[in-house]
PDB file of N, CA and C in Angstrom:
ATOM      1  N   MET A   1       0.838  -1.169  -0.030  1.00  0.00           N
ATOM      2  CA  MET A   1      -0.113   0.060  -0.040  1.00  0.00           C
ATOM      3  C   MET A   1       0.888   1.415  -0.059  1.00  0.00           C
ATOM      4  N   ILE A   2       0.538   2.296  -0.901  1.00  0.00           N
ATOM      5  CA  ILE A   2       1.237   3.480  -1.006  1.00  0.00           C
ATOM      6  C   ILE A   2       0.526   4.649  -0.139  1.00  0.00           C
ATOM      7  N   SER A   3       1.193   5.348   0.620  1.00  0.00           N
ATOM      8  CA  SER A   3       0.651   6.519   1.317  1.00  0.00           C
ATOM      9  C   SER A   3       1.242   7.730   0.680  1.00  0.00           C
ATOM     10  N   TRP A   4       0.377   8.386  -0.053  1.00  0.00           N
ATOM     11  CA  TRP A   4       0.674   9.586  -0.939  1.00  0.00           C
ATOM     12  C   TRP A   4       0.750  10.788   0.177  1.00  0.00           C
ATOM     13  N   TRP A   5       1.743  11.680  -0.147  1.00  0.00           N
ATOM     14  CA  TRP A   5       1.794  12.876   0.398  1.00  0.00           C
ATOM     15  C   TRP A   5       0.760  13.885  -0.263  1.00  0.00           C
ATOM     16  N   THR A   6       0.171  14.549   0.625  1.00  0.00           N
ATOM     17  CA  THR A   6      -0.918  15.613   0.096  1.00  0.00           C
ATOM     18  C   THR A   6      -0.503  16.825   0.811  1.00  0.00           C
ATOM     19  N   ALA A   7      -0.560  17.855  -0.134  1.00  0.00           N
ATOM     20  CA  ALA A   7      -0.065  19.196   0.596  1.00  0.00           C
ATOM     21  C   ALA A   7      -1.260  19.771   1.570  1.00  0.00           C
ATOM     22  N   LYS A   8      -0.931  20.349   2.500  1.00  0.00           N
ATOM     23  CA  LYS A   8      -1.799  20.983   3.565  1.00  0.00           C
ATOM     24  C   LYS A   8      -2.486  22.177   2.797  1.00  0.00           C
ATOM     25  N   GLU A   9      -3.716  22.175   3.151  1.00  0.00           N
ATOM     26  CA  GLU A   9      -4.439  23.264   2.189  1.00  0.00           C
ATOM     27  C   GLU A   9      -4.117  24.634   3.024  1.00  0.00           C
ATOM     28  N   LYS A  10      -3.696  25.522   2.284  1.00  0.00           N
ATOM     29  CA  LYS A  10      -3.184  26.743   2.815  1.00  0.00           C
ATOM     30  C   LYS A  10      -4.580  27.828   3.109  1.00  0.00           C
ATOM     31  N   ASN A  11      -4.376  28.534   4.318  1.00  0.00           N
ATOM     32  CA  ASN A  11      -5.526  29.181   4.609  1.00  0.00           C
ATOM     33  C   ASN A  11      -5.353  30.680   3.747  1.00  0.00           C
ATOM     34  N   GLY A  12      -6.880  31.279   3.477  1.00  0.00           N
ATOM     35  CA  GLY A  12      -6.730  32.582   2.988  1.00  0.00           C
ATOM     36  C   GLY A  12      -6.473  33.459   4.039  1.00  0.00           C
ATOM     37  N   THR A  13      -5.931  34.553   3.818  1.00  0.00           N
ATOM     38  CA  THR A  13      -5.620  35.669   4.908  1.00  0.00           C
ATOM     39  C   THR A  13      -5.920  37.231   4.219  1.00  0.00           C
ATOM     40  N   ALA A  14      -6.645  37.971   4.939  1.00  0.00           N
ATOM     41  CA  ALA A  14      -6.734  39.332   4.555  1.00  0.00           C
ATOM     42  C   ALA A  14      -6.077  40.178   5.553  1.00  0.00           C
ATOM     43  N   THR A  15      -5.418  41.071   4.910  1.00  0.00           N
ATOM     44  CA  THR A  15      -4.805  42.142   5.614  1.00  0.00           C
ATOM     45  C   THR A  15      -5.315  43.514   5.694  1.00  0.00           C
ATOM     46  N   LEU A  16      -5.618  44.031   6.629  1.00  0.00           N
ATOM     47  CA  LEU A  16      -6.153  45.470   6.870  1.00  0.00           C
ATOM     48  C   LEU A  16      -5.453  46.528   7.082  1.00  0.00           C
ATOM     49  N   TYR A  17      -5.645  47.501   6.228  1.00  0.00           N
ATOM     50  CA  TYR A  17      -4.688  48.723   6.513  1.00  0.00           C
ATOM     51  C   TYR A  17      -5.621  49.732   6.409  1.00  0.00           C
ATOM     52  N   ASN A  18      -5.136  51.079   6.689  1.00  0.00           N
ATOM     53  CA  ASN A  18      -6.104  52.193   6.664  1.00  0.00           C
ATOM     54  C   ASN A  18      -6.478  52.576   5.586  1.00  0.00           C
ATOM     55  N   SER A  19      -6.016  52.085   4.281  1.00  0.00           N
ATOM     56  CA  SER A  19      -6.357  52.493   2.971  1.00  0.00           C
ATOM     57  C   SER A  19      -6.800  51.443   1.956  1.00  0.00           C
ATOM     58  N   ASN A  20      -6.706  49.933   2.461  1.00  0.00           N
ATOM     59  CA  ASN A  20      -6.965  48.860   1.690  1.00  0.00           C
ATOM     60  C   ASN A  20      -7.389  47.622   2.186  1.00  0.00           C
ATOM     61  N   ILE A  21      -7.745  46.707   1.792  1.00  0.00           N
ATOM     62  CA  ILE A  21      -7.826  45.342   1.965  1.00  0.00           C
ATOM     63  C   ILE A  21      -7.029  44.502   1.171  1.00  0.00           C
ATOM     64  N   THR A  22      -5.927  43.717   1.542  1.00  0.00           N
ATOM     65  CA  THR A  22      -5.128  43.009   0.709  1.00  0.00           C
ATOM     66  C   THR A  22      -5.487  41.488   1.100  1.00  0.00           C
ATOM     67  N   LEU A  23      -5.825  40.743   0.081  1.00  0.00           N
ATOM     68  CA  LEU A  23      -5.947  39.418   0.080  1.00  0.00           C
ATOM     69  C   LEU A  23      -4.850  38.675  -0.455  1.00  0.00           C
ATOM     70  N   ASN A  24      -4.399  37.625   0.401  1.00  0.00           N
ATOM     71  CA  ASN A  24      -3.341  36.681  -0.104  1.00  0.00           C
ATOM     72  C   ASN A  24      -3.826  35.800  -1.205  1.00  0.00           C
ATOM     73  N   LYS A  25      -2.890  34.978  -2.004  1.00  0.00           N
ATOM     74  CA  LYS A  25      -3.089  34.362  -3.025  1.00  0.00           C
ATOM     75  C   LYS A  25      -4.465  33.402  -2.972  1.00  0.00           C
ATOM     76  N   VAL A  26      -4.388  32.666  -1.880  1.00  0.00           N
ATOM     77  CA  VAL A  26      -5.489  31.800  -1.556  1.00  0.00           C
ATOM     78  C   VAL A  26      -6.927  32.369  -1.569  1.00  0.00           C
ATOM     79  N   ALA A  27      -6.769  33.456  -0.892  1.00  0.00           N
ATOM     80  CA  ALA A  27      -8.116  34.174  -0.473  1.00  0.00           C
ATOM     81  C   ALA A  27      -8.498  35.093  -1.982  1.00  0.00           C
ATOM     82  N   SER A  28      -7.537  35.228  -3.008  1.00  0.00           N
ATOM     83  CA  SER A  28      -7.857  36.081  -4.061  1.00  0.00           C
ATOM     84  C   SER A  28      -8.416  35.142  -5.186  1.00  0.00           C
ATOM     85  N   VAL A  29      -8.303  33.657  -5.197  1.00  0.00           N
ATOM     86  CA  VAL A  29      -8.712  32.927  -6.071  1.00  0.00           C
ATOM     87  C   VAL A  29     -10.222  33.229  -6.664  1.00  0.00           C
ATOM     88  N   PRO A  30     -11.351  33.308  -5.785  1.00  0.00           N
ATOM     89  CA  PRO A  30     -12.432  33.564  -6.278  1.00  0.00           C
ATOM     90  C   PRO A  30     -12.663  34.761  -7.019  1.00  0.00           C
ATOM     91  N   PHE A  31     -11.922  35.692  -6.876  1.00  0.00           N
ATOM     92  CA  PHE A  31     -11.978  37.042  -7.365  1.00  0.00           C
ATOM     93  C   PHE A  31     -11.028  37.496  -8.829  1.00  0.00           C
ATOM     94  N   GLU A  32     -10.651  36.174  -9.410  1.00  0.00           N
ATOM     95  CA  GLU A  32      -9.770  36.536 -10.435  1.00  0.00           C
ATOM     96  C   GLU A  32     -10.579  36.785 -11.648  1.00  0.00           C
ATOM     97  N   PHE A  33     -11.941  36.551 -11.912  1.00  0.00           N
ATOM     98  CA  PHE A  33     -12.717  36.986 -13.007  1.00  0.00           C
ATOM     99  C   PHE A  33     -13.624  38.143 -12.534  1.00  0.00           C
ATOM    100  N   ALA A  34     -13.457  38.761 -11.306  1.00  0.00           N
ATOM    101  CA  ALA A  34     -14.431  39.723 -10.957  1.00  0.00           C
ATOM    102  C   ALA A  34     -14.059  40.870 -11.524  1.00  0.00           C
ATOM    103  N   ASN A  35     -15.307  41.658 -11.858  1.00  0.00           N
ATOM    104  CA  ASN A  35     -15.010  43.019 -12.566  1.00  0.00           C
ATOM    105  C   ASN A  35     -15.084  43.958 -11.360  1.00  0.00           C
ATOM    106  N   ARG A  36     -16.060  43.869 -10.308  1.00  0.00           N
ATOM    107  CA  ARG A  36     -16.026  44.717  -9.014  1.00  0.00           C
ATOM    108  C   ARG A  36     -16.530  43.856  -7.902  1.00  0.00           C
ATOM    109  N   VAL A  37     -16.449  44.514  -6.768  1.00  0.00           N
ATOM    110  CA  VAL A  37     -16.931  43.710  -5.804  1.00  0.00           C
ATOM    111  C   VAL A  37     -17.709  44.625  -4.779  1.00  0.00           C
ATOM    112  N   GLN A  38     -18.338  44.043  -4.080  1.00  0.00           N
ATOM    113  CA  GLN A  38     -19.281  44.603  -3.073  1.00  0.00           C
ATOM    114  C   GLN A  38     -19.024  44.258  -1.603  1.00  0.00           C
ATOM    115  N   VAL A  39     -18.892  45.143  -0.815  1.00  0.00           N
ATOM    116  CA  VAL A  39     -18.288  44.781   0.709  1.00  0.00           C
ATOM    117  C   VAL A  39     -19.248  45.045   1.584  1.00  0.00           C
ATOM    118  N   GLY A  40     -19.452  44.319   2.714  1.00  0.00           N
ATOM    119  CA  GLY A  40     -20.441  44.575   3.624  1.00  0.00           C
ATOM    120  C   GLY A  40     -20.138  44.007   4.855  1.00  0.00           C
ATOM    121  N   LEU A  41     -20.831  44.040   5.889  1.00  0.00           N
ATOM    122  CA  LEU A  41     -20.729  43.242   7.151  1.00  0.00           C
ATOM    123  C   LEU A  41     -21.982  42.385   7.402  1.00  0.00           C
ATOM    124  N   ASP A  42     -21.541  41.325   8.132  1.00  0.00           N
ATOM    125  CA  ASP A  42     -22.591  40.231   8.293  1.00  0.00           C
ATOM    126  C   ASP A  42     -23.079  40.462   9.790  1.00  0.00           C
ATOM    127  N   GLU A  43     -23.957  39.663  10.178  1.00  0.00           N
ATOM    128  CA  GLU A  43     -24.643  39.816  11.514  1.00  0.00           C
ATOM    129  C   GLU A  43     -23.577  39.490  12.580  1.00  0.00           C
ATOM    130  N   ASN A  44     -22.490  38.951  12.254  1.00  0.00           N
ATOM    131  CA  ASN A  44     -21.370  38.544  13.281  1.00  0.00           C
ATOM    132  C   ASN A  44     -20.173  39.537  13.258  1.00  0.00           C
ATOM    133  N   ASN A  45     -20.587  40.665  12.521  1.00  0.00           N
ATOM    134  CA  ASN A  45     -19.592  41.649  12.305  1.00  0.00           C
ATOM    135  C   ASN A  45     -18.262  41.161  11.549  1.00  0.00           C
ATOM    136  N   ASN A  46     -18.406  40.296  10.713  1.00  0.00           N
ATOM    137  CA  ASN A  46     -17.385  39.789   9.824  1.00  0.00           C
ATOM    138  C   ASN A  46     -17.399  40.537   8.374  1.00  0.00           C
ATOM    139  N   ILE A  47     -16.311  40.849   7.793  1.00  0.00           N
ATOM    140  CA  ILE A  47     -16.413  41.380   6.437  1.00  0.00           C
ATOM    141  C   ILE A  47     -16.619  40.652   5.558  1.00  0.00           C
ATOM    142  N   VAL A  48     -17.719  40.976   4.575  1.00  0.00           N
ATOM    143  CA  VAL A  48     -18.180  39.930   3.509  1.00  0.00           C
ATOM    144  C   VAL A  48     -17.849  40.752   1.942  1.00  0.00           C
ATOM    145  N   ILE A  49     -17.064  39.815   1.314  1.00  0.00           N
ATOM    146  CA  ILE A  49     -16.771  40.443  -0.039  1.00  0.00           C
ATOM    147  C   ILE A  49     -17.240  39.443  -0.982  1.00  0.00           C
ATOM    148  N   GLU A  50     -18.100  40.051  -1.932  1.00  0.00           N
ATOM    149  CA  GLU A  50     -18.975  39.362  -3.091  1.00  0.00           C
ATOM    150  C   GLU A  50     -18.416  39.763  -4.481  1.00  0.00           C
ATOM    151  N   PRO A  51     -17.879  38.703  -5.222  1.00  0.00           N
ATOM    152  CA  PRO A  51     -17.291  39.261  -6.491  1.00  0.00           C
ATOM    153  C   PRO A  51     -18.266  39.335  -7.453  1.00  0.00           C
ATOM    154  N   LEU A  52     -18.349  40.347  -8.327  1.00  0.00           N
ATOM    155  CA  LEU A  52     -19.224  40.650  -9.480  1.00  0.00           C
ATOM    156  C   LEU A  52     -18.899  40.555 -10.741  1.00  0.00           C
ATOM    157  N   SER A  53     -19.369  39.708 -11.754  1.00  0.00           N
ATOM    158  CA  SER A  53     -18.846  39.790 -13.015  1.00  0.00           C
ATOM    159  C   SER A  53     -19.261  41.051 -13.766  1.00  0.00           C
ATOM    160  N   LYS A  54     -18.541  41.170 -14.742  1.00  0.00           N
ATOM    161  CA  LYS A  54     -18.997  42.391 -15.674  1.00  0.00           C
ATOM    162  C   LYS A  54     -20.338  42.420 -16.245  1.00  0.00           C
ATOM    163  N   GLU A  55     -20.805  41.162 -16.415  1.00  0.00           N
ATOM    164  CA  GLU A  55     -22.301  41.238 -16.800  1.00  0.00           C
ATOM    165  C   GLU A  55     -23.207  41.411 -15.821  1.00  0.00           C
ATOM    166  N   ARG A  56     -22.778  41.158 -14.553  1.00  0.00           N
ATOM    167  CA  ARG A  56     -23.761  41.341 -13.357  1.00  0.00           C
ATOM    168  C   ARG A  56     -23.738  42.935 -13.193  1.00  0.00           C
ATOM    169  N   VAL A  57     -22.514  43.469 -13.289  1.00  0.00           N
ATOM    170  CA  VAL A  57     -22.474  44.961 -12.772  1.00  0.00           C
ATOM    171  C   VAL A  57     -23.338  45.743 -13.964  1.00  0.00           C
ATOM    172  N   GLU A  58     -23.251  45.236 -15.239  1.00  0.00           N
ATOM    173  CA  GLU A  58     -23.813  45.934 -16.385  1.00  0.00           C
ATOM    174  C   GLU A  58     -25.252  45.886 -16.404  1.00  0.00           C
ATOM    175  N   ARG A  59     -25.780  44.882 -15.688  1.00  0.00           N
ATOM    176  CA  ARG A  59     -27.419  44.975 -15.488  1.00  0.00           C
ATOM    177  C   ARG A  59     -28.002  45.905 -14.949  1.00  0.00           C
ATOM    178  N   GLY A  60     -27.141  46.767 -14.062  1.00  0.00           N
ATOM    179  CA  GLY A  60     -27.686  48.251 -13.746  1.00  0.00           C
ATOM    180  C   GLY A  60     -28.492  47.709 -12.270  1.00  0.00           C
ATOM    181  N   ASP A  61     -28.471  46.798 -11.628  1.00  0.00           N
ATOM    182  CA  ASP A  61     -29.431  46.620 -10.503  1.00  0.00           C
ATOM    183  C   ASP A  61     -28.420  47.089  -9.139  1.00  0.00           C
ATOM    184  N   PHE A  62     -27.330  47.462  -9.226  1.00  0.00           N
ATOM    185  CA  PHE A  62     -26.303  47.888  -8.186  1.00  0.00           C
ATOM    186  C   PHE A  62     -26.151  49.363  -8.489  1.00  0.00           C
ATOM    187  N   ASP A  63     -26.015  50.196  -7.325  1.00  0.00           N
ATOM    188  CA  ASP A  63     -25.566  51.514  -7.351  1.00  0.00           C
ATOM    189  C   ASP A  63     -24.051  51.459  -7.634  1.00  0.00           C
ATOM    190  N   GLU A  64     -23.491  51.854  -8.633  1.00  0.00           N
ATOM    191  CA  GLU A  64     -22.254  51.894  -9.275  1.00  0.00           C
ATOM    192  C   GLU A  64     -21.656  52.580  -8.051  1.00  0.00           C
ATOM    193  N   TYR A  65     -21.725  53.537  -7.339  1.00  0.00           N
ATOM    194  CA  TYR A  65     -21.000  54.171  -6.164  1.00  0.00           C
ATOM    195  C   TYR A  65     -20.686  53.124  -5.262  1.00  0.00           C
ATOM    196  N   ASN A  66     -21.333  52.087  -4.953  1.00  0.00           N
ATOM    197  CA  ASN A  66     -21.298  51.195  -4.081  1.00  0.00           C
ATOM    198  C   ASN A  66     -20.252  50.018  -4.356  1.00  0.00           C
ATOM    199  N   LEU A  67     -19.865  49.948  -5.545  1.00  0.00           N
ATOM    200  CA  LEU A  67     -19.073  48.795  -6.047  1.00  0.00           C
ATOM    201  C   LEU A  67     -17.670  49.226  -5.916  1.00  0.00           C
ATOM    202  N   LEU A  68     -16.863  48.540  -5.647  1.00  0.00           N
ATOM    203  CA  LEU A  68     -15.207  48.899  -5.855  1.00  0.00           C
ATOM    204  C   LEU A  68     -14.473  47.777  -6.638  1.00  0.00           C
ATOM    205  N   GLU A  69     -13.508  48.415  -7.322  1.00  0.00           N
ATOM    206  CA  GLU A  69     -12.719  47.755  -7.908  1.00  0.00           C
ATOM    207  C   GLU A  69     -11.526  46.813  -7.261  1.00  0.00           C
ATOM    208  N   ILE A  70     -11.268  45.824  -7.763  1.00  0.00           N
ATOM    209  CA  ILE A  70     -10.377  44.715  -7.174  1.00  0.00           C
ATOM    210  C   ILE A  70      -9.383  44.709  -8.073  1.00  0.00           C
ATOM    211  N   LYS A  71      -7.915  44.854  -7.652  1.00  0.00           N
ATOM    212  CA  LYS A  71      -6.750  44.689  -8.440  1.00  0.00           C
ATOM    213  C   LYS A  71      -6.249  43.446  -8.137  1.00  0.00           C
ATOM    214  N   ILE A  72      -5.881  42.701  -9.256  1.00  0.00           N
ATOM    215  CA  ILE A  72      -5.477  41.283  -9.129  1.00  0.00           C
ATOM    216  C   ILE A  72      -4.085  41.279  -9.590  1.00  0.00           C
ATOM    217  N   LYS A  73      -3.234  40.767  -8.769  1.00  0.00           N
ATOM    218  CA  LYS A  73      -1.786  40.581  -8.991  1.00  0.00           C
ATOM    219  C   LYS A  73      -1.512  39.020  -8.875  1.00  0.00           C
ATOM    220  N   PRO A  74      -0.306  38.706  -9.335  1.00  0.00           N
ATOM    221  CA  PRO A  74       0.022  37.312  -9.322  1.00  0.00           C
ATOM    222  C   PRO A  74       0.019  36.505  -7.969  1.00  0.00           C
ATOM    223  N   SER A  75       0.315  37.378  -6.908  1.00  0.00           N
ATOM    224  CA  SER A  75       0.539  36.682  -5.667  1.00  0.00           C
ATOM    225  C   SER A  75      -0.594  37.188  -4.461  1.00  0.00           C
ATOM    226  N   TYR A  76      -1.184  38.304  -4.873  1.00  0.00           N
ATOM    227  CA  TYR A  76      -2.348  38.835  -4.079  1.00  0.00           C
ATOM    228  C   TYR A  76      -3.356  39.849  -4.734  1.00  0.00           C
ATOM    229  N   SER A  77      -4.378  40.162  -4.002  1.00  0.00           N
ATOM    230  CA  SER A  77      -5.388  41.033  -4.550  1.00  0.00           C
ATOM    231  C   SER A  77      -5.421  42.216  -3.558  1.00  0.00           C
ATOM    232  N   ARG A  78      -6.073  43.389  -4.224  1.00  0.00           N
ATOM    233  CA  ARG A  78      -6.234  44.479  -3.309  1.00  0.00           C
ATOM    234  C   ARG A  78      -7.425  45.172  -3.510  1.00  0.00           C
ATOM    235  N   ILE A  79      -8.081  45.779  -2.466  1.00  0.00           N
ATOM    236  CA  ILE A  79      -9.276  46.718  -2.852  1.00  0.00           C
ATOM    237  C   ILE A  79      -9.030  47.866  -1.920  1.00  0.00           C
ATOM    238  N   CYS A  80      -8.725  48.869  -2.714  1.00  0.00           N
ATOM    239  CA  CYS A  80      -8.330  50.217  -2.224  1.00  0.00           C
ATOM    240  C   CYS A  80      -9.467  51.239  -2.092  1.00  0.00           C
ATOM    241  N   SER A  81      -9.670  51.688  -0.775  1.00  0.00           N
ATOM    242  CA  SER A  81     -10.827  52.787  -0.348  1.00  0.00           C
ATOM    243  C   SER A  81     -10.531  52.994   1.001  1.00  0.00           C
ATOM    244  N   THR A  82     -10.043  54.401   1.026  1.00  0.00           N
ATOM    245  CA  THR A  82      -9.882  54.973   2.306  1.00  0.00           C
ATOM    246  C   THR A  82     -11.236  54.942   3.004  1.00  0.00           C
ATOM    247  N   GLU A  83     -12.123  55.531   2.175  1.00  0.00           N
ATOM    248  CA  GLU A  83     -13.682  55.642   2.676  1.00  0.00           C
ATOM    249  C   GLU A  83     -14.143  54.400   3.187  1.00  0.00           C
ATOM    250  N   LEU A  84     -13.884  53.191   2.631  1.00  0.00           N
ATOM    251  CA  LEU A  84     -14.486  52.045   3.045  1.00  0.00           C
ATOM    252  C   LEU A  84     -13.938  51.588   4.306  1.00  0.00           C
ATOM    253  N   MET A  85     -12.220  51.832   4.358  1.00  0.00           N
ATOM    254  CA  MET A  85     -11.712  51.353   5.417  1.00  0.00           C
ATOM    255  C   MET A  85     -11.977  52.227   6.856  1.00  0.00           C
ATOM    256  N   ASN A  86     -12.288  53.745   6.650  1.00  0.00           N
ATOM    257  CA  ASN A  86     -12.785  54.334   7.808  1.00  0.00           C
ATOM    258  C   ASN A  86     -14.038  53.800   8.220  1.00  0.00           C
ATOM    259  N   PHE A  87     -14.969  53.173   7.403  1.00  0.00           N
ATOM    260  CA  PHE A  87     -16.195  52.917   7.765  1.00  0.00           C
ATOM    261  C   PHE A  87     -16.165  51.458   8.533  1.00  0.00           C
ATOM    262  N   LEU A  88     -15.199  50.643   8.060  1.00  0.00           N
ATOM    263  CA  LEU A  88     -14.858  49.254   8.701  1.00  0.00           C
ATOM    264  C   LEU A  88     -14.338  49.581  10.042  1.00  0.00           C
ATOM    265  N   GLY A  89     -13.419  50.481  10.314  1.00  0.00           N
ATOM    266  CA  GLY A  89     -12.615  50.688  11.217  1.00  0.00           C
ATOM    267  C   GLY A  89     -13.581  51.199  12.222  1.00  0.00           C
ATOM    268  N   GLU A  90     -14.514  52.103  12.014  1.00  0.00           N
ATOM    269  CA  GLU A  90     -15.452  52.736  12.976  1.00  0.00           C
ATOM    270  C   GLU A  90     -16.457  51.543  13.393  1.00  0.00           C
ATOM    271  N   LYS A  91     -17.125  50.821  12.358  1.00  0.00           N
ATOM    272  CA  LYS A  91     -18.067  49.860  12.717  1.00  0.00           C
ATOM    273  C   LYS A  91     -17.526  48.710  13.596  1.00  0.00           C
ATOM    274  N   LEU A  92     -16.088  48.346  13.406  1.00  0.00           N
ATOM    275  CA  LEU A  92     -15.686  47.166  13.902  1.00  0.00           C
ATOM    276  C   LEU A  92     -14.719  47.583  15.056  1.00  0.00           C
ATOM    277  N   LYS A  93     -14.575  48.728  15.396  1.00  0.00           N
ATOM    278  CA  LYS A  93     -13.807  49.210  16.458  1.00  0.00           C
ATOM    279  C   LYS A  93     -12.346  48.600  16.311  1.00  0.00           C
ATOM    280  N   LEU A  94     -11.785  48.939  15.030  1.00  0.00           N
ATOM    281  CA  LEU A  94     -10.425  48.528  14.768  1.00  0.00           C
ATOM    282  C   LEU A  94      -9.516  49.733  14.636  1.00  0.00           C
ATOM    283  N   ALA A  95      -8.513  49.698  15.181  1.00  0.00           N
ATOM    284  CA  ALA A  95      -7.429  50.857  14.778  1.00  0.00           C
ATOM    285  C   ALA A  95      -6.764  50.805  13.692  1.00  0.00           C
ATOM    286  N   LEU A  96      -7.336  51.016  12.389  1.00  0.00           N
ATOM    287  CA  LEU A  96      -6.437  50.719  11.172  1.00  0.00           C
ATOM    288  C   LEU A  96      -5.501  51.717  10.887  1.00  0.00           C
ATOM    289  N   SER A  97      -4.323  51.192  10.450  1.00  0.00           N
ATOM    290  CA  SER A  97      -3.283  52.148  10.170  1.00  0.00           C
ATOM    291  C   SER A  97      -2.272  51.573   9.047  1.00  0.00           C
ATOM    292  N   THR A  98      -1.028  52.002   8.970  1.00  0.00           N
ATOM    293  CA  THR A  98      -0.207  51.467   7.911  1.00  0.00           C
ATOM    294  C   THR A  98       0.611  50.222   8.635  1.00  0.00           C
ATOM    295  N   GLU A  99      -0.034  49.848   9.941  1.00  0.00           N
ATOM    296  CA  GLU A  99       0.604  48.592  10.325  1.00  0.00           C
ATOM    297  C   GLU A  99      -0.539  47.516  10.165  1.00  0.00           C
ATOM    298  N   PRO A 100      -0.221  46.257   9.554  1.00  0.00           N
ATOM    299  CA  PRO A 100      -1.127  45.488   9.331  1.00  0.00           C
ATOM    300  C   PRO A 100      -2.056  44.850  10.202  1.00  0.00           C
ATOM    301  N   LEU A 101      -3.187  44.585  10.156  1.00  0.00           N
ATOM    302  CA  LEU A 101      -3.963  43.493  11.084  1.00  0.00           C
ATOM    303  C   LEU A 101      -4.640  42.426  10.231  1.00  0.00           C
ATOM    304  N   ARG A 102      -4.030  41.140  10.497  1.00  0.00           N
ATOM    305  CA  ARG A 102      -4.350  40.144   9.504  1.00  0.00           C
ATOM    306  C   ARG A 102      -5.380  39.098  10.364  1.00  0.00           C
ATOM    307  N   PHE A 103      -6.212  38.699   9.270  1.00  0.00           N
ATOM    308  CA  PHE A 103      -7.552  37.954   9.669  1.00  0.00           C
ATOM    309  C   PHE A 103      -7.599  36.889   8.615  1.00  0.00           C
ATOM    310  N   GLU A 104      -7.931  35.439   9.151  1.00  0.00           N
ATOM    311  CA  GLU A 104      -8.262  34.419   8.327  1.00  0.00           C
ATOM    312  C   GLU A 104      -9.747  34.719   7.550  1.00  0.00           C
ATOM    313  N   THR A 105      -9.567  33.972   6.394  1.00  0.00           N
ATOM    314  CA  THR A 105     -10.925  34.077   5.435  1.00  0.00           C
ATOM    315  C   THR A 105     -11.533  32.675   5.179  1.00  0.00           C
ATOM    316  N   ILE A 106     -12.695  32.617   4.932  1.00  0.00           N
ATOM    317  CA  ILE A 106     -13.298  31.593   4.227  1.00  0.00           C
ATOM    318  C   ILE A 106     -14.172  31.880   2.969  1.00  0.00           C
ATOM    319  N   TRP A 107     -14.021  31.037   2.185  1.00  0.00           N
ATOM    320  CA  TRP A 107     -14.948  31.272   0.865  1.00  0.00           C
ATOM    321  C   TRP A 107     -16.262  30.263   1.215  1.00  0.00           C
ATOM    322  N   GLU A 108     -17.231  31.048   1.149  1.00  0.00           N
ATOM    323  CA  GLU A 108     -18.652  30.397   1.395  1.00  0.00           C
ATOM    324  C   GLU A 108     -19.196  30.167   0.023  1.00  0.00           C
ATOM    325  N   GLU A 109     -18.949  29.007  -0.554  1.00  0.00           N
ATOM    326  CA  GLU A 109     -19.582  28.796  -1.873  1.00  0.00           C
ATOM    327  C   GLU A 109     -20.928  28.840  -2.052  1.00  0.00           C
ATOM    328  N   GLU A 110     -21.651  28.403  -1.228  1.00  0.00           N
ATOM    329  CA  GLU A 110     -23.221  28.494  -1.358  1.00  0.00           C
ATOM    330  C   GLU A 110     -23.767  29.890  -1.419  1.00  0.00           C
ATOM    331  N   ASN A 111     -22.911  30.833  -0.766  1.00  0.00           N
ATOM    332  CA  ASN A 111     -23.399  32.347  -0.828  1.00  0.00           C
ATOM    333  C   ASN A 111     -22.494  33.038  -1.703  1.00  0.00           C
ATOM    334  N   ASN A 112     -21.597  32.569  -2.472  1.00  0.00           N
ATOM    335  CA  ASN A 112     -20.558  33.278  -3.431  1.00  0.00           C
ATOM    336  C   ASN A 112     -19.914  34.452  -2.943  1.00  0.00           C
ATOM    337  N   HIS A 113     -19.581  34.355  -1.740  1.00  0.00           N
ATOM    338  CA  HIS A 113     -18.545  35.517  -1.024  1.00  0.00           C
ATOM    339  C   HIS A 113     -17.631  34.809  -0.065  1.00  0.00           C
ATOM    340  N   LEU A 114     -16.513  35.721  -0.047  1.00  0.00           N
ATOM    341  CA  LEU A 114     -15.554  35.772   0.994  1.00  0.00           C
ATOM    342  C   LEU A 114     -15.884  36.366   2.281  1.00  0.00           C
ATOM    343  N   VAL A 115     -15.693  35.546   3.401  1.00  0.00           N
ATOM    344  CA  VAL A 115     -15.975  36.190   4.679  1.00  0.00           C
ATOM    345  C   VAL A 115     -14.397  36.437   5.522  1.00  0.00           C
ATOM    346  N   ILE A 116     -14.211  37.464   6.001  1.00  0.00           N
ATOM    347  CA  ILE A 116     -13.072  37.858   6.648  1.00  0.00           C
ATOM    348  C   ILE A 116     -13.448  37.753   8.024  1.00  0.00           C
ATOM    349  N   GLN A 117     -12.935  36.770   8.884  1.00  0.00           N
ATOM    350  CA  GLN A 117     -13.264  36.479  10.003  1.00  0.00           C
ATOM    351  C   GLN A 117     -12.800  37.313  11.183  1.00  0.00           C
ATOM    352  N   ILE A 118     -13.562  38.560  11.325  1.00  0.00           N
ATOM    353  CA  ILE A 118     -12.858  39.494  12.144  1.00  0.00           C
ATOM    354  C   ILE A 118     -13.052  39.154  13.844  1.00  0.00           C
ATOM    355  N   LYS A 119     -14.169  38.421  14.125  1.00  0.00           N
ATOM    356  CA  LYS A 119     -14.708  37.942  15.278  1.00  0.00           C
ATOM    357  C   LYS A 119     -14.231  36.449  15.800  1.00  0.00           C
ATOM    358  N   LYS A 120     -13.439  35.843  15.145  1.00  0.00           N
ATOM    359  CA  LYS A 120     -13.046  34.472  15.439  1.00  0.00           C
ATOM    360  C   LYS A 120     -12.640  34.271  16.718  1.00  0.00           C
TER     361      LYS A 120
END
């Protein structure tokens, strides 16, 4: 009998700064084909990020001012918005600055969104 080595699944990580959310490569995978994202808070005060395709954005059922661009790089992705980060810092009582705050993420396939686990 052969026991094959299997790679340990890596965790997704989100890093919060005062001007952006940076997602590591693992957390970025669901956003590779996203045109925009929608960011919110769930009932447990975790950050929820939903990827939106170009077709979904162009349907016109979203207020375009509430949608954010996500920049995808080979090893990370980033959502930049000082206004968003001020909102999140205030609502979650986080002292966001140029020093990173790191949190684990989970992808919720059934809801099609990424959850940044603030209150874990």
